[in-house]
Amino acid sequence: MNNLEHPLKEEITEIRKIILETNSNITEKIKWNAPSFCVDGYDRITFNLHGKGFFRLIFHCGAKVKDGSPNTPIFIDNSGILEWVTNDRAIAKFTNMDDVKDKENDLREVINQWIHSTI
């Protein structure tokens, strides 16, 4: 993070803090030159920093497609902050600090639901 050059670095730092504070089972590493978060050694949430004017959090069940993927999303996101790409992969998008603050409580809930659903 010290070497990260991104126009939304302050927002990225805040999201990183939220993720690490939300669930004590989460550990952090760098993957694809961005913070990535694991539970029990399995990747679950990874930053995608390639957007212009925004960044994304990718909620996933690892890099490889698993046999027996669910037929419906792995949980119901009542907040609406997730965009489901597949039933076991979703994206949350953030544009500025107001957006981060507005979504913080929902993000914490989604993180815990994701971790619970993918263990």
PDB file of N, CA and C in Angstrom:
ATOM      1  N   MET A   1       0.824  -1.192   0.000  1.00  0.00           N
ATOM      2  CA  MET A   1       0.000   0.000   0.000  1.00  0.00           C
ATOM      3  C   MET A   1       0.871   1.259   0.000  1.00  0.00           C
ATOM      4  N   ASN A   2       2.046   1.166   0.611  1.00  0.00           N
ATOM      5  CA  ASN A   2       2.918   2.344   0.639  1.00  0.00           C
ATOM      6  C   ASN A   2       3.304   2.800  -0.762  1.00  0.00           C
ATOM      7  N   ASN A   3       3.449   1.866  -1.689  1.00  0.00           N
ATOM      8  CA  ASN A   3       3.866   2.193  -3.050  1.00  0.00           C
ATOM      9  C   ASN A   3       2.697   2.398  -4.008  1.00  0.00           C
ATOM     10  N   LEU A   4       1.469   2.240  -3.525  1.00  0.00           N
ATOM     11  CA  LEU A   4       0.305   2.375  -4.395  1.00  0.00           C
ATOM     12  C   LEU A   4       0.137   3.811  -4.861  1.00  0.00           C
ATOM     13  N   GLU A   5       0.054   3.971  -6.156  1.00  0.00           N
ATOM     14  CA  GLU A   5      -0.263   5.263  -6.744  1.00  0.00           C
ATOM     15  C   GLU A   5      -1.614   5.128  -7.427  1.00  0.00           C
ATOM     16  N   HIS A   6      -2.629   5.689  -6.818  1.00  0.00           N
ATOM     17  CA  HIS A   6      -3.994   5.594  -7.338  1.00  0.00           C
ATOM     18  C   HIS A   6      -4.738   6.847  -6.886  1.00  0.00           C
ATOM     19  N   PRO A   7      -5.551   7.446  -7.751  1.00  0.00           N
ATOM     20  CA  PRO A   7      -6.270   8.661  -7.356  1.00  0.00           C
ATOM     21  C   PRO A   7      -7.257   8.442  -6.205  1.00  0.00           C
ATOM     22  N   LEU A   8      -7.654   7.200  -5.961  1.00  0.00           N
ATOM     23  CA  LEU A   8      -8.583   6.893  -4.873  1.00  0.00           C
ATOM     24  C   LEU A   8      -7.894   6.130  -3.743  1.00  0.00           C
ATOM     25  N   LYS A   9      -6.628   6.396  -3.534  1.00  0.00           N
ATOM     26  CA  LYS A   9      -5.863   5.674  -2.515  1.00  0.00           C
ATOM     27  C   LYS A   9      -6.485   5.823  -1.126  1.00  0.00           C
ATOM     28  N   GLU A  10      -6.964   7.000  -0.784  1.00  0.00           N
ATOM     29  CA  GLU A  10      -7.582   7.210   0.535  1.00  0.00           C
ATOM     30  C   GLU A  10      -8.820   6.321   0.685  1.00  0.00           C
ATOM     31  N   GLU A  11      -9.629   6.207  -0.345  1.00  0.00           N
ATOM     32  CA  GLU A  11     -10.823   5.376  -0.316  1.00  0.00           C
ATOM     33  C   GLU A  11     -10.453   3.892  -0.261  1.00  0.00           C
ATOM     34  N   ILE A  12      -9.441   3.516  -1.007  1.00  0.00           N
ATOM     35  CA  ILE A  12      -8.963   2.127  -0.995  1.00  0.00           C
ATOM     36  C   ILE A  12      -8.462   1.763   0.400  1.00  0.00           C
ATOM     37  N   THR A  13      -7.720   2.653   1.015  1.00  0.00           N
ATOM     38  CA  THR A  13      -7.216   2.442   2.377  1.00  0.00           C
ATOM     39  C   THR A  13      -8.373   2.271   3.357  1.00  0.00           C
ATOM     40  N   GLU A  14      -9.417   3.061   3.201  1.00  0.00           N
ATOM     41  CA  GLU A  14     -10.581   2.973   4.090  1.00  0.00           C
ATOM     42  C   GLU A  14     -11.311   1.640   3.906  1.00  0.00           C
ATOM     43  N   ILE A  15     -11.508   1.219   2.672  1.00  0.00           N
ATOM     44  CA  ILE A  15     -12.166  -0.079   2.418  1.00  0.00           C
ATOM     45  C   ILE A  15     -11.324  -1.214   2.991  1.00  0.00           C
ATOM     46  N   ARG A  16     -10.030  -1.149   2.801  1.00  0.00           N
ATOM     47  CA  ARG A  16      -9.117  -2.157   3.351  1.00  0.00           C
ATOM     48  C   ARG A  16      -9.288  -2.246   4.873  1.00  0.00           C
ATOM     49  N   LYS A  17      -9.339  -1.110   5.530  1.00  0.00           N
ATOM     50  CA  LYS A  17      -9.529  -1.065   6.986  1.00  0.00           C
ATOM     51  C   LYS A  17     -10.876  -1.687   7.373  1.00  0.00           C
ATOM     52  N   ILE A  18     -11.924  -1.345   6.633  1.00  0.00           N
ATOM     53  CA  ILE A  18     -13.255  -1.896   6.915  1.00  0.00           C
ATOM     54  C   ILE A  18     -13.231  -3.416   6.814  1.00  0.00           C
ATOM     55  N   ILE A  19     -12.626  -3.941   5.753  1.00  0.00           N
ATOM     56  CA  ILE A  19     -12.575  -5.394   5.553  1.00  0.00           C
ATOM     57  C   ILE A  19     -11.855  -6.061   6.723  1.00  0.00           C
ATOM     58  N   LEU A  20     -10.692  -5.560   7.085  1.00  0.00           N
ATOM     59  CA  LEU A  20      -9.895  -6.187   8.142  1.00  0.00           C
ATOM     60  C   LEU A  20     -10.557  -6.071   9.510  1.00  0.00           C
ATOM     61  N   GLU A  21     -11.322  -5.015   9.741  1.00  0.00           N
ATOM     62  CA  GLU A  21     -12.017  -4.847  11.023  1.00  0.00           C
ATOM     63  C   GLU A  21     -13.295  -5.674  11.115  1.00  0.00           C
ATOM     64  N   THR A  22     -13.850  -6.051   9.989  1.00  0.00           N
ATOM     65  CA  THR A  22     -15.172  -6.679   9.976  1.00  0.00           C
ATOM     66  C   THR A  22     -15.156  -8.117  10.452  1.00  0.00           C
ATOM     67  N   ASN A  23     -14.121  -8.856  10.118  1.00  0.00           N
ATOM     68  CA  ASN A  23     -14.101 -10.275  10.463  1.00  0.00           C
ATOM     69  C   ASN A  23     -12.677 -10.671  10.841  1.00  0.00           C
ATOM     70  N   SER A  24     -12.514 -11.174  12.053  1.00  0.00           N
ATOM     71  CA  SER A  24     -11.171 -11.495  12.555  1.00  0.00           C
ATOM     72  C   SER A  24     -10.542 -12.697  11.854  1.00  0.00           C
ATOM     73  N   ASN A  25     -11.306 -13.444  11.071  1.00  0.00           N
ATOM     74  CA  ASN A  25     -10.762 -14.591  10.330  1.00  0.00           C
ATOM     75  C   ASN A  25     -10.101 -14.177   9.024  1.00  0.00           C
ATOM     76  N   ILE A  26     -10.222 -12.930   8.641  1.00  0.00           N
ATOM     77  CA  ILE A  26      -9.690 -12.459   7.368  1.00  0.00           C
ATOM     78  C   ILE A  26      -8.212 -12.118   7.504  1.00  0.00           C
ATOM     79  N   THR A  27      -7.423 -12.616   6.540  1.00  0.00           N
ATOM     80  CA  THR A  27      -6.011 -12.250   6.432  1.00  0.00           C
ATOM     81  C   THR A  27      -5.802 -11.561   5.086  1.00  0.00           C
ATOM     82  N   GLU A  28      -4.690 -10.869   4.969  1.00  0.00           N
ATOM     83  CA  GLU A  28      -4.437 -10.070   3.774  1.00  0.00           C
ATOM     84  C   GLU A  28      -3.144 -10.492   3.096  1.00  0.00           C
ATOM     85  N   LYS A  29      -3.152 -10.408   1.773  1.00  0.00           N
ATOM     86  CA  LYS A  29      -1.947 -10.606   0.977  1.00  0.00           C
ATOM     87  C   LYS A  29      -2.076  -9.724  -0.267  1.00  0.00           C
ATOM     88  N   ILE A  30      -1.044  -9.696  -1.077  1.00  0.00           N
ATOM     89  CA  ILE A  30      -1.094  -8.957  -2.338  1.00  0.00           C
ATOM     90  C   ILE A  30      -1.292  -9.966  -3.463  1.00  0.00           C
ATOM     91  N   LYS A  31      -2.280  -9.702  -4.317  1.00  0.00           N
ATOM     92  CA  LYS A  31      -2.573 -10.552  -5.467  1.00  0.00           C
ATOM     93  C   LYS A  31      -2.888  -9.618  -6.628  1.00  0.00           C
ATOM     94  N   TRP A  32      -2.271  -9.850  -7.763  1.00  0.00           N
ATOM     95  CA  TRP A  32      -2.482  -9.004  -8.937  1.00  0.00           C
ATOM     96  C   TRP A  32      -2.177  -7.537  -8.608  1.00  0.00           C
ATOM     97  N   ASN A  33      -1.125  -7.313  -7.814  1.00  0.00           N
ATOM     98  CA  ASN A  33      -0.672  -5.974  -7.422  1.00  0.00           C
ATOM     99  C   ASN A  33      -1.713  -5.178  -6.642  1.00  0.00           C
ATOM    100  N   ALA A  34      -2.561  -5.874  -5.904  1.00  0.00           N
ATOM    101  CA  ALA A  34      -3.596  -5.210  -5.115  1.00  0.00           C
ATOM    102  C   ALA A  34      -3.879  -6.035  -3.862  1.00  0.00           C
ATOM    103  N   PRO A  35      -4.412  -5.398  -2.821  1.00  0.00           N
ATOM    104  CA  PRO A  35      -4.776  -6.155  -1.625  1.00  0.00           C
ATOM    105  C   PRO A  35      -5.824  -7.227  -1.941  1.00  0.00           C
ATOM    106  N   SER A  36      -5.618  -8.396  -1.364  1.00  0.00           N
ATOM    107  CA  SER A  36      -6.551  -9.506  -1.490  1.00  0.00           C
ATOM    108  C   SER A  36      -6.733 -10.104  -0.099  1.00  0.00           C
ATOM    109  N   PHE A  37      -7.910 -10.623   0.163  1.00  0.00           N
ATOM    110  CA  PHE A  37      -8.250 -11.065   1.511  1.00  0.00           C
ATOM    111  C   PHE A  37      -8.693 -12.518   1.489  1.00  0.00           C
ATOM    112  N   CYS A  38      -8.191 -13.257   2.453  1.00  0.00           N
ATOM    113  CA  CYS A  38      -8.394 -14.705   2.519  1.00  0.00           C
ATOM    114  C   CYS A  38      -9.051 -15.087   3.839  1.00  0.00           C
ATOM    115  N   VAL A  39      -9.675 -16.256   3.814  1.00  0.00           N
ATOM    116  CA  VAL A  39     -10.154 -16.918   5.023  1.00  0.00           C
ATOM    117  C   VAL A  39      -9.643 -18.348   4.945  1.00  0.00           C
ATOM    118  N   ASP A  40      -8.938 -18.773   5.977  1.00  0.00           N
ATOM    119  CA  ASP A  40      -8.347 -20.116   6.023  1.00  0.00           C
ATOM    120  C   ASP A  40      -7.482 -20.394   4.794  1.00  0.00           C
ATOM    121  N   GLY A  41      -6.790 -19.365   4.305  1.00  0.00           N
ATOM    122  CA  GLY A  41      -5.888 -19.515   3.172  1.00  0.00           C
ATOM    123  C   GLY A  41      -6.554 -19.466   1.806  1.00  0.00           C
ATOM    124  N   TYR A  42      -7.869 -19.309   1.750  1.00  0.00           N
ATOM    125  CA  TYR A  42      -8.601 -19.264   0.481  1.00  0.00           C
ATOM    126  C   TYR A  42      -8.975 -17.820   0.149  1.00  0.00           C
ATOM    127  N   ASP A  43      -8.640 -17.401  -1.064  1.00  0.00           N
ATOM    128  CA  ASP A  43      -8.988 -16.051  -1.518  1.00  0.00           C
ATOM    129  C   ASP A  43     -10.500 -15.887  -1.547  1.00  0.00           C
ATOM    130  N   ARG A  44     -10.970 -14.745  -1.032  1.00  0.00           N
ATOM    131  CA  ARG A  44     -12.406 -14.482  -0.989  1.00  0.00           C
ATOM    132  C   ARG A  44     -12.785 -13.081  -1.487  1.00  0.00           C
ATOM    133  N   ILE A  45     -11.930 -12.092  -1.269  1.00  0.00           N
ATOM    134  CA  ILE A  45     -12.221 -10.722  -1.684  1.00  0.00           C
ATOM    135  C   ILE A  45     -10.935 -10.123  -2.228  1.00  0.00           C
ATOM    136  N   THR A  46     -10.995  -9.550  -3.430  1.00  0.00           N
ATOM    137  CA  THR A  46      -9.803  -8.985  -4.046  1.00  0.00           C
ATOM    138  C   THR A  46     -10.136  -7.632  -4.660  1.00  0.00           C
ATOM    139  N   PHE A  47      -9.260  -6.655  -4.438  1.00  0.00           N
ATOM    140  CA  PHE A  47      -9.420  -5.355  -5.081  1.00  0.00           C
ATOM    141  C   PHE A  47      -9.124  -5.469  -6.571  1.00  0.00           C
ATOM    142  N   ASN A  48      -9.885  -4.752  -7.382  1.00  0.00           N
ATOM    143  CA  ASN A  48      -9.585  -4.514  -8.784  1.00  0.00           C
ATOM    144  C   ASN A  48      -9.441  -3.009  -8.903  1.00  0.00           C
ATOM    145  N   LEU A  49      -8.220  -2.551  -9.137  1.00  0.00           N
ATOM    146  CA  LEU A  49      -7.901  -1.119  -9.104  1.00  0.00           C
ATOM    147  C   LEU A  49      -7.784  -0.509 -10.497  1.00  0.00           C
ATOM    148  N   HIS A  50      -8.284  -1.195 -11.513  1.00  0.00           N
ATOM    149  CA  HIS A  50      -8.053  -0.759 -12.885  1.00  0.00           C
ATOM    150  C   HIS A  50      -9.102   0.186 -13.448  1.00  0.00           C
ATOM    151  N   GLY A  51     -10.135   0.524 -12.707  1.00  0.00           N
ATOM    152  CA  GLY A  51     -11.149   1.439 -13.216  1.00  0.00           C
ATOM    153  C   GLY A  51     -10.658   2.878 -13.231  1.00  0.00           C
ATOM    154  N   LYS A  52     -11.289   3.687 -14.031  1.00  0.00           N
ATOM    155  CA  LYS A  52     -10.965   5.113 -14.062  1.00  0.00           C
ATOM    156  C   LYS A  52     -12.084   5.846 -13.330  1.00  0.00           C
ATOM    157  N   GLY A  53     -11.759   6.470 -12.203  1.00  0.00           N
ATOM    158  CA  GLY A  53     -12.758   7.153 -11.403  1.00  0.00           C
ATOM    159  C   GLY A  53     -13.491   6.246 -10.436  1.00  0.00           C
ATOM    160  N   PHE A  54     -13.068   4.999 -10.348  1.00  0.00           N
ATOM    161  CA  PHE A  54     -13.682   4.051  -9.425  1.00  0.00           C
ATOM    162  C   PHE A  54     -12.720   2.886  -9.214  1.00  0.00           C
ATOM    163  N   PHE A  55     -13.041   2.034  -8.245  1.00  0.00           N
ATOM    164  CA  PHE A  55     -12.362   0.748  -8.060  1.00  0.00           C
ATOM    165  C   PHE A  55     -13.427  -0.255  -7.650  1.00  0.00           C
ATOM    166  N   ARG A  56     -13.080  -1.512  -7.749  1.00  0.00           N
ATOM    167  CA  ARG A  56     -14.028  -2.579  -7.439  1.00  0.00           C
ATOM    168  C   ARG A  56     -13.457  -3.510  -6.376  1.00  0.00           C
ATOM    169  N   LEU A  57     -14.370  -4.117  -5.640  1.00  0.00           N
ATOM    170  CA  LEU A  57     -14.048  -5.272  -4.807  1.00  0.00           C
ATOM    171  C   LEU A  57     -14.676  -6.470  -5.486  1.00  0.00           C
ATOM    172  N   ILE A  58     -13.875  -7.490  -5.722  1.00  0.00           N
ATOM    173  CA  ILE A  58     -14.370  -8.721  -6.323  1.00  0.00           C
ATOM    174  C   ILE A  58     -14.563  -9.740  -5.203  1.00  0.00           C
ATOM    175  N   PHE A  59     -15.780 -10.175  -5.022  1.00  0.00           N
ATOM    176  CA  PHE A  59     -16.113 -11.227  -4.060  1.00  0.00           C
ATOM    177  C   PHE A  59     -16.137 -12.532  -4.845  1.00  0.00           C
ATOM    178  N   HIS A  60     -15.318 -13.500  -4.430  1.00  0.00           N
ATOM    179  CA  HIS A  60     -15.191 -14.719  -5.221  1.00  0.00           C
ATOM    180  C   HIS A  60     -14.900 -15.911  -4.324  1.00  0.00           C
ATOM    181  N   CYS A  61     -14.861 -17.071  -4.954  1.00  0.00           N
ATOM    182  CA  CYS A  61     -14.591 -18.330  -4.248  1.00  0.00           C
ATOM    183  C   CYS A  61     -13.279 -18.922  -4.720  1.00  0.00           C
ATOM    184  N   GLY A  62     -12.340 -18.085  -5.098  1.00  0.00           N
ATOM    185  CA  GLY A  62     -11.056 -18.528  -5.609  1.00  0.00           C
ATOM    186  C   GLY A  62     -10.958 -18.268  -7.101  1.00  0.00           C
ATOM    187  N   ALA A  63      -9.796 -18.531  -7.649  1.00  0.00           N
ATOM    188  CA  ALA A  63      -9.526 -18.203  -9.048  1.00  0.00           C
ATOM    189  C   ALA A  63     -10.098 -19.224 -10.023  1.00  0.00           C
ATOM    190  N   LYS A  64     -10.263 -20.451  -9.598  1.00  0.00           N
ATOM    191  CA  LYS A  64     -10.699 -21.501 -10.511  1.00  0.00           C
ATOM    192  C   LYS A  64     -12.191 -21.765 -10.367  1.00  0.00           C
ATOM    193  N   VAL A  65     -12.833 -22.063 -11.496  1.00  0.00           N
ATOM    194  CA  VAL A  65     -14.244 -22.426 -11.489  1.00  0.00           C
ATOM    195  C   VAL A  65     -14.388 -23.769 -10.785  1.00  0.00           C
ATOM    196  N   LYS A  66     -15.320 -23.835  -9.879  1.00  0.00           N
ATOM    197  CA  LYS A  66     -15.548 -25.057  -9.112  1.00  0.00           C
ATOM    198  C   LYS A  66     -16.667 -25.881  -9.747  1.00  0.00           C
ATOM    199  N   ASP A  67     -16.547 -27.197  -9.657  1.00  0.00           N
ATOM    200  CA  ASP A  67     -17.651 -28.063 -10.062  1.00  0.00           C
ATOM    201  C   ASP A  67     -18.794 -27.869  -9.079  1.00  0.00           C
ATOM    202  N   GLY A  68     -20.002 -27.970  -9.565  1.00  0.00           N
ATOM    203  CA  GLY A  68     -21.152 -27.860  -8.677  1.00  0.00           C
ATOM    204  C   GLY A  68     -21.422 -26.440  -8.218  1.00  0.00           C
ATOM    205  N   SER A  69     -21.145 -25.455  -9.070  1.00  0.00           N
ATOM    206  CA  SER A  69     -21.460 -24.074  -8.716  1.00  0.00           C
ATOM    207  C   SER A  69     -22.952 -23.947  -8.438  1.00  0.00           C
ATOM    208  N   PRO A  70     -23.341 -23.076  -7.521  1.00  0.00           N
ATOM    209  CA  PRO A  70     -24.749 -22.955  -7.156  1.00  0.00           C
ATOM    210  C   PRO A  70     -25.600 -22.440  -8.324  1.00  0.00           C
ATOM    211  N   ASN A  71     -26.887 -22.803  -8.312  1.00  0.00           N
ATOM    212  CA  ASN A  71     -27.828 -22.370  -9.349  1.00  0.00           C
ATOM    213  C   ASN A  71     -28.402 -20.989  -9.069  1.00  0.00           C
ATOM    214  N   THR A  72     -28.222 -20.522  -7.853  1.00  0.00           N
ATOM    215  CA  THR A  72     -28.683 -19.190  -7.461  1.00  0.00           C
ATOM    216  C   THR A  72     -27.544 -18.518  -6.699  1.00  0.00           C
ATOM    217  N   PRO A  73     -27.582 -17.199  -6.561  1.00  0.00           N
ATOM    218  CA  PRO A  73     -26.528 -16.537  -5.773  1.00  0.00           C
ATOM    219  C   PRO A  73     -26.382 -17.181  -4.394  1.00  0.00           C
ATOM    220  N   ILE A  74     -25.150 -17.210  -3.897  1.00  0.00           N
ATOM    221  CA  ILE A  74     -24.882 -17.940  -2.651  1.00  0.00           C
ATOM    222  C   ILE A  74     -25.545 -17.323  -1.424  1.00  0.00           C
ATOM    223  N   PHE A  75     -26.019 -16.084  -1.533  1.00  0.00           N
ATOM    224  CA  PHE A  75     -26.861 -15.486  -0.503  1.00  0.00           C
ATOM    225  C   PHE A  75     -27.625 -14.321  -1.110  1.00  0.00           C
ATOM    226  N   ILE A  76     -28.633 -13.876  -0.408  1.00  0.00           N
ATOM    227  CA  ILE A  76     -29.435 -12.741  -0.857  1.00  0.00           C
ATOM    228  C   ILE A  76     -28.803 -11.458  -0.322  1.00  0.00           C
ATOM    229  N   ASP A  77     -28.424 -10.576  -1.238  1.00  0.00           N
ATOM    230  CA  ASP A  77     -27.850  -9.279  -0.857  1.00  0.00           C
ATOM    231  C   ASP A  77     -28.984  -8.266  -0.789  1.00  0.00           C
ATOM    232  N   ASN A  78     -29.521  -8.072   0.395  1.00  0.00           N
ATOM    233  CA  ASN A  78     -30.618  -7.119   0.576  1.00  0.00           C
ATOM    234  C   ASN A  78     -30.180  -5.672   0.413  1.00  0.00           C
ATOM    235  N   SER A  79     -28.885  -5.414   0.516  1.00  0.00           N
ATOM    236  CA  SER A  79     -28.387  -4.037   0.405  1.00  0.00           C
ATOM    237  C   SER A  79     -28.364  -3.548  -1.040  1.00  0.00           C
ATOM    238  N   GLY A  80     -28.167  -4.472  -1.958  1.00  0.00           N
ATOM    239  CA  GLY A  80     -28.072  -4.106  -3.363  1.00  0.00           C
ATOM    240  C   GLY A  80     -26.716  -3.571  -3.778  1.00  0.00           C
ATOM    241  N   ILE A  81     -25.690  -3.658  -2.912  1.00  0.00           N
ATOM    242  CA  ILE A  81     -24.378  -3.126  -3.312  1.00  0.00           C
ATOM    243  C   ILE A  81     -23.607  -4.096  -4.200  1.00  0.00           C
ATOM    244  N   LEU A  82     -24.045  -5.355  -4.255  1.00  0.00           N
ATOM    245  CA  LEU A  82     -23.354  -6.334  -5.090  1.00  0.00           C
ATOM    246  C   LEU A  82     -23.997  -6.428  -6.471  1.00  0.00           C
ATOM    247  N   GLU A  83     -23.142  -6.526  -7.468  1.00  0.00           N
ATOM    248  CA  GLU A  83     -23.566  -6.871  -8.823  1.00  0.00           C
ATOM    249  C   GLU A  83     -23.096  -8.306  -9.033  1.00  0.00           C
ATOM    250  N   TRP A  84     -24.032  -9.223  -9.212  1.00  0.00           N
ATOM    251  CA  TRP A  84     -23.691 -10.636  -9.357  1.00  0.00           C
ATOM    252  C   TRP A  84     -23.213 -10.899 -10.778  1.00  0.00           C
ATOM    253  N   VAL A  85     -21.990 -11.387 -10.902  1.00  0.00           N
ATOM    254  CA  VAL A  85     -21.410 -11.757 -12.192  1.00  0.00           C
ATOM    255  C   VAL A  85     -21.789 -13.193 -12.516  1.00  0.00           C
ATOM    256  N   THR A  86     -21.643 -14.052 -11.534  1.00  0.00           N
ATOM    257  CA  THR A  86     -22.125 -15.432 -11.572  1.00  0.00           C
ATOM    258  C   THR A  86     -22.728 -15.679 -10.198  1.00  0.00           C
ATOM    259  N   ASN A  87     -23.228 -16.860  -9.951  1.00  0.00           N
ATOM    260  CA  ASN A  87     -23.856 -17.139  -8.655  1.00  0.00           C
ATOM    261  C   ASN A  87     -22.861 -17.243  -7.506  1.00  0.00           C
ATOM    262  N   ASP A  88     -21.554 -17.339  -7.835  1.00  0.00           N
ATOM    263  CA  ASP A  88     -20.541 -17.376  -6.785  1.00  0.00           C
ATOM    264  C   ASP A  88     -19.444 -16.327  -7.009  1.00  0.00           C
ATOM    265  N   ARG A  89     -19.790 -15.244  -7.702  1.00  0.00           N
ATOM    266  CA  ARG A  89     -18.856 -14.133  -7.921  1.00  0.00           C
ATOM    267  C   ARG A  89     -19.671 -12.848  -8.043  1.00  0.00           C
ATOM    268  N   ALA A  90     -19.256 -11.827  -7.277  1.00  0.00           N
ATOM    269  CA  ALA A  90     -19.987 -10.561  -7.284  1.00  0.00           C
ATOM    270  C   ALA A  90     -18.999  -9.404  -7.188  1.00  0.00           C
ATOM    271  N   ILE A  91     -19.469  -8.227  -7.562  1.00  0.00           N
ATOM    272  CA  ILE A  91     -18.638  -7.027  -7.570  1.00  0.00           C
ATOM    273  C   ILE A  91     -19.338  -5.924  -6.798  1.00  0.00           C
ATOM    274  N   ALA A  92     -18.561  -5.201  -6.002  1.00  0.00           N
ATOM    275  CA  ALA A  92     -19.017  -3.953  -5.380  1.00  0.00           C
ATOM    276  C   ALA A  92     -18.126  -2.846  -5.926  1.00  0.00           C
ATOM    277  N   LYS A  93     -18.723  -1.741  -6.325  1.00  0.00           N
ATOM    278  CA  LYS A  93     -18.001  -0.638  -6.958  1.00  0.00           C
ATOM    279  C   LYS A  93     -18.056   0.593  -6.048  1.00  0.00           C
ATOM    280  N   PHE A  94     -16.924   1.308  -5.980  1.00  0.00           N
ATOM    281  CA  PHE A  94     -16.816   2.501  -5.146  1.00  0.00           C
ATOM    282  C   PHE A  94     -16.210   3.637  -5.960  1.00  0.00           C
ATOM    283  N   THR A  95     -16.750   4.836  -5.791  1.00  0.00           N
ATOM    284  CA  THR A  95     -16.336   5.975  -6.614  1.00  0.00           C
ATOM    285  C   THR A  95     -15.646   7.099  -5.852  1.00  0.00           C
ATOM    286  N   ASN A  96     -15.962   7.253  -4.568  1.00  0.00           N
ATOM    287  CA  ASN A  96     -15.368   8.330  -3.775  1.00  0.00           C
ATOM    288  C   ASN A  96     -15.612   8.044  -2.295  1.00  0.00           C
ATOM    289  N   MET A  97     -15.108   8.928  -1.432  1.00  0.00           N
ATOM    290  CA  MET A  97     -15.223   8.683   0.012  1.00  0.00           C
ATOM    291  C   MET A  97     -16.675   8.727   0.482  1.00  0.00           C
ATOM    292  N   ASP A  98     -17.492   9.597  -0.092  1.00  0.00           N
ATOM    293  CA  ASP A  98     -18.915   9.616   0.276  1.00  0.00           C
ATOM    294  C   ASP A  98     -19.564   8.277  -0.047  1.00  0.00           C
ATOM    295  N   ASP A  99     -19.223   7.705  -1.191  1.00  0.00           N
ATOM    296  CA  ASP A  99     -19.745   6.402  -1.591  1.00  0.00           C
ATOM    297  C   ASP A  99     -19.297   5.322  -0.608  1.00  0.00           C
ATOM    298  N   VAL A 100     -18.034   5.369  -0.205  1.00  0.00           N
ATOM    299  CA  VAL A 100     -17.507   4.411   0.774  1.00  0.00           C
ATOM    300  C   VAL A 100     -18.279   4.523   2.085  1.00  0.00           C
ATOM    301  N   LYS A 101     -18.445   5.736   2.579  1.00  0.00           N
ATOM    302  CA  LYS A 101     -19.139   5.951   3.854  1.00  0.00           C
ATOM    303  C   LYS A 101     -20.605   5.543   3.761  1.00  0.00           C
ATOM    304  N   ASP A 102     -21.252   5.864   2.624  1.00  0.00           N
ATOM    305  CA  ASP A 102     -22.661   5.496   2.437  1.00  0.00           C
ATOM    306  C   ASP A 102     -22.855   3.982   2.436  1.00  0.00           C
ATOM    307  N   LYS A 103     -21.889   3.245   1.926  1.00  0.00           N
ATOM    308  CA  LYS A 103     -22.008   1.792   1.790  1.00  0.00           C
ATOM    309  C   LYS A 103     -21.348   1.014   2.926  1.00  0.00           C
ATOM    310  N   GLU A 104     -20.726   1.693   3.881  1.00  0.00           N
ATOM    311  CA  GLU A 104     -19.921   1.001   4.890  1.00  0.00           C
ATOM    312  C   GLU A 104     -20.696  -0.073   5.649  1.00  0.00           C
ATOM    313  N   ASN A 105     -21.853   0.248   6.199  1.00  0.00           N
ATOM    314  CA  ASN A 105     -22.598  -0.739   6.984  1.00  0.00           C
ATOM    315  C   ASN A 105     -23.041  -1.910   6.118  1.00  0.00           C
ATOM    316  N   ASP A 106     -23.514  -1.617   4.904  1.00  0.00           N
ATOM    317  CA  ASP A 106     -23.904  -2.690   3.991  1.00  0.00           C
ATOM    318  C   ASP A 106     -22.699  -3.539   3.609  1.00  0.00           C
ATOM    319  N   LEU A 107     -21.555  -2.899   3.388  1.00  0.00           N
ATOM    320  CA  LEU A 107     -20.348  -3.638   3.042  1.00  0.00           C
ATOM    321  C   LEU A 107     -19.957  -4.590   4.165  1.00  0.00           C
ATOM    322  N   ARG A 108     -20.008  -4.133   5.393  1.00  0.00           N
ATOM    323  CA  ARG A 108     -19.676  -5.007   6.524  1.00  0.00           C
ATOM    324  C   ARG A 108     -20.607  -6.232   6.553  1.00  0.00           C
ATOM    325  N   GLU A 109     -21.883  -6.010   6.331  1.00  0.00           N
ATOM    326  CA  GLU A 109     -22.850  -7.112   6.316  1.00  0.00           C
ATOM    327  C   GLU A 109     -22.553  -8.075   5.173  1.00  0.00           C
ATOM    328  N   VAL A 110     -22.281  -7.539   3.984  1.00  0.00           N
ATOM    329  CA  VAL A 110     -21.983  -8.378   2.817  1.00  0.00           C
ATOM    330  C   VAL A 110     -20.710  -9.184   3.047  1.00  0.00           C
ATOM    331  N   ILE A 111     -19.689  -8.572   3.628  1.00  0.00           N
ATOM    332  CA  ILE A 111     -18.437  -9.292   3.921  1.00  0.00           C
ATOM    333  C   ILE A 111     -18.725 -10.489   4.811  1.00  0.00           C
ATOM    334  N   ASN A 112     -19.462 -10.274   5.893  1.00  0.00           N
ATOM    335  CA  ASN A 112     -19.755 -11.375   6.813  1.00  0.00           C
ATOM    336  C   ASN A 112     -20.618 -12.446   6.152  1.00  0.00           C
ATOM    337  N   GLN A 113     -21.594 -12.030   5.338  1.00  0.00           N
ATOM    338  CA  GLN A 113     -22.411 -13.007   4.628  1.00  0.00           C
ATOM    339  C   GLN A 113     -21.568 -13.808   3.648  1.00  0.00           C
ATOM    340  N   TRP A 114     -20.673 -13.113   2.938  1.00  0.00           N
ATOM    341  CA  TRP A 114     -19.831 -13.811   1.964  1.00  0.00           C
ATOM    342  C   TRP A 114     -18.937 -14.833   2.645  1.00  0.00           C
ATOM    343  N   ILE A 115     -18.288 -14.409   3.716  1.00  0.00           N
ATOM    344  CA  ILE A 115     -17.394 -15.321   4.455  1.00  0.00           C
ATOM    345  C   ILE A 115     -18.183 -16.520   4.986  1.00  0.00           C
ATOM    346  N   HIS A 116     -19.332 -16.263   5.571  1.00  0.00           N
ATOM    347  CA  HIS A 116     -20.158 -17.349   6.116  1.00  0.00           C
ATOM    348  C   HIS A 116     -20.614 -18.304   5.011  1.00  0.00           C
ATOM    349  N   SER A 117     -20.942 -17.764   3.843  1.00  0.00           N
ATOM    350  CA  SER A 117     -21.473 -18.578   2.742  1.00  0.00           C
ATOM    351  C   SER A 117     -20.406 -19.358   1.996  1.00  0.00           C
ATOM    352  N   THR A 118     -19.142 -18.960   2.123  1.00  0.00           N
ATOM    353  CA  THR A 118     -18.088 -19.610   1.344  1.00  0.00           C
ATOM    354  C   THR A 118     -17.170 -20.490   2.176  1.00  0.00           C
ATOM    355  N   ILE A 119     -17.424 -20.578   3.467  1.00  0.00           N
ATOM    356  CA  ILE A 119     -16.586 -21.441   4.328  1.00  0.00           C
ATOM    357  C   ILE A 119     -16.971 -22.892   4.131  1.00  0.00           C
TER     358      ILE A 119
END
